[in-house]
């Protein structure tokens, strides 16, 4: 017989829609890229930032899978992801030596597409 505590910590995929899964995949793509960059040869402050961002995406996916305050996760996820996009642009292109869009790169393009998809999914889920 399951207790209330064990039921609350179980993954609840039955309540997830196709839209949820698109968001989960997009978040995991962005998480994987951030974690990969975070363990790479970047300067320490950037490395820590990438690791924290990657862990933030993974943590949000876990909360959604556990059906823990999903609407709050959606609401926090939108500005969290928007900040990722703004920081990426600011660090790489605003006043820098790189030009947009010529110097985006494969990882940057994949990450930003995943993040734009994630924001669209989060907005749609929040509006339901």
Protein backbone atom coordinates (compact mmCIF):
# COMPACT_ATOMS: atom_id res chain seq x y z
CA UNK A 1 0.00 0.00 0.00
CA UNK A 2 1.47 3.35 -1.09
CA UNK A 3 1.65 6.20 1.34
CA UNK A 4 0.84 9.80 0.53
CA UNK A 5 4.56 10.63 0.55
CA UNK A 6 5.46 7.95 -1.97
CA UNK A 7 2.64 9.02 -4.32
CA UNK A 8 3.77 12.64 -4.22
CA UNK A 9 7.30 11.77 -5.31
CA UNK A 10 6.26 9.51 -8.19
CA UNK A 11 6.62 10.63 -11.77
CA UNK A 12 3.24 11.52 -13.24
CA UNK A 13 3.43 11.07 -17.02
CA UNK A 14 -0.28 10.34 -17.37
CA UNK A 15 -1.16 14.00 -17.09
CA UNK A 16 1.43 15.12 -19.64
CA UNK A 17 0.28 16.12 -23.12
CA UNK A 18 2.21 16.24 -26.36
CA UNK A 19 2.83 19.92 -25.69
CA UNK A 20 4.44 19.04 -22.36
CA UNK A 21 6.76 16.58 -24.09
CA UNK A 22 7.82 19.15 -26.68
CA UNK A 23 8.70 21.50 -23.82
CA UNK A 24 10.55 18.77 -21.93
CA UNK A 25 12.63 17.89 -24.98
CA UNK A 26 13.39 21.57 -25.66
CA UNK A 27 14.42 22.12 -22.02
CA UNK A 28 16.62 19.02 -22.03
CA UNK A 29 18.32 20.10 -25.28
CA UNK A 30 19.11 23.49 -23.75
CA UNK A 31 20.22 21.81 -20.51
CA UNK A 32 22.57 19.46 -22.36
CA UNK A 33 24.17 22.33 -24.27
CA UNK A 34 24.60 24.44 -21.14
CA UNK A 35 26.06 21.54 -19.15
CA UNK A 36 28.40 20.67 -22.03
CA UNK A 37 29.65 24.26 -22.18
CA UNK A 38 29.85 24.39 -18.40
CA UNK A 39 32.34 21.54 -18.25
CA UNK A 40 34.31 22.94 -21.20
CA UNK A 41 37.27 25.27 -21.16
CA UNK A 42 35.46 28.52 -20.43
CA UNK A 43 36.57 31.01 -17.80
CA UNK A 44 35.36 30.08 -14.32
CA UNK A 45 32.53 32.64 -13.94
CA UNK A 46 31.04 31.64 -17.30
CA UNK A 47 31.51 27.96 -16.55
CA UNK A 48 29.58 28.28 -13.30
CA UNK A 49 26.83 30.25 -15.04
CA UNK A 50 26.44 27.59 -17.72
CA UNK A 51 26.36 24.79 -15.16
CA UNK A 52 23.72 26.58 -13.07
CA UNK A 53 21.60 27.31 -16.13
CA UNK A 54 21.82 23.68 -17.26
CA UNK A 55 20.89 22.44 -13.81
CA UNK A 56 18.00 24.93 -13.73
CA UNK A 57 16.54 23.43 -16.91
CA UNK A 58 16.99 19.88 -15.57
CA UNK A 59 15.43 20.83 -12.24
CA UNK A 60 12.41 22.33 -13.98
CA UNK A 61 11.91 19.17 -16.04
CA UNK A 62 12.02 17.08 -12.86
CA UNK A 63 9.43 19.33 -11.19
CA UNK A 64 7.11 19.03 -14.20
CA UNK A 65 7.51 15.25 -14.29
CA UNK A 66 6.67 15.10 -10.59
CA UNK A 67 3.64 17.34 -11.19
CA UNK A 68 4.95 19.76 -8.58
CA UNK A 69 3.46 23.25 -9.00
CA UNK A 70 3.57 23.03 -12.76
CA UNK A 71 1.95 26.42 -13.36
CA UNK A 72 4.62 28.06 -11.19
CA UNK A 73 7.35 26.23 -13.11
CA UNK A 74 5.85 27.49 -16.39
CA UNK A 75 5.62 31.05 -15.07
CA UNK A 76 9.21 31.07 -13.77
CA UNK A 77 10.50 29.26 -16.84
CA UNK A 78 9.49 32.02 -19.24
CA UNK A 79 11.68 34.80 -17.77
CA UNK A 80 14.43 32.29 -16.91
CA UNK A 81 14.65 31.26 -20.56
CA UNK A 82 14.28 34.82 -21.86
CA UNK A 83 17.22 35.87 -19.68
CA UNK A 84 19.28 33.07 -21.26
CA UNK A 85 18.58 34.49 -24.72
CA UNK A 86 19.31 38.08 -23.71
CA UNK A 87 22.56 37.12 -21.96
CA UNK A 88 23.66 35.03 -24.93
CA UNK A 89 23.08 37.92 -27.30
CA UNK A 90 24.69 40.44 -24.96
CA UNK A 91 27.79 38.37 -24.27
CA UNK A 92 28.32 37.27 -27.85
CA UNK A 93 27.11 40.09 -30.08
CA UNK A 94 26.30 43.37 -28.33
CA UNK A 95 29.45 45.43 -28.64
CA UNK A 96 31.56 42.36 -29.30
CA UNK A 97 33.62 41.23 -32.23
CA UNK A 98 31.08 38.66 -33.43
CA UNK A 99 28.36 39.56 -35.90
CA UNK A 100 24.80 38.34 -35.75
CA UNK A 101 23.66 36.06 -37.39
CA UNK A 102 26.87 35.09 -39.21
CA UNK A 103 28.75 33.97 -36.07
CA UNK A 104 25.95 32.17 -34.22
CA UNK A 105 27.41 28.67 -34.53
CA UNK A 106 25.69 25.32 -34.41
CA UNK A 107 25.40 25.00 -30.61
CA UNK A 108 24.13 28.56 -30.32
CA UNK A 109 21.54 28.05 -33.05
CA UNK A 110 20.29 24.74 -31.66
CA UNK A 111 20.12 26.17 -28.15
CA UNK A 112 18.27 29.32 -29.16
CA UNK A 113 15.76 27.40 -31.31
CA UNK A 114 15.15 25.05 -28.37
CA UNK A 115 14.71 28.03 -26.04
CA UNK A 116 12.28 29.85 -28.34
CA UNK A 117 10.26 26.63 -28.67
CA UNK A 118 10.37 26.23 -24.88
CA UNK A 119 9.09 29.78 -24.31
CA UNK A 120 6.24 29.22 -26.78
CA UNK A 121 5.30 25.96 -25.06
CA UNK A 122 5.45 27.53 -21.58
CA UNK A 123 3.24 30.43 -22.67
CA UNK A 124 0.73 28.01 -24.21
CA UNK A 125 0.71 25.81 -21.09
CA UNK A 126 0.33 28.81 -18.80
CA UNK A 127 -2.61 30.15 -20.82
CA UNK A 128 -4.55 26.87 -20.54
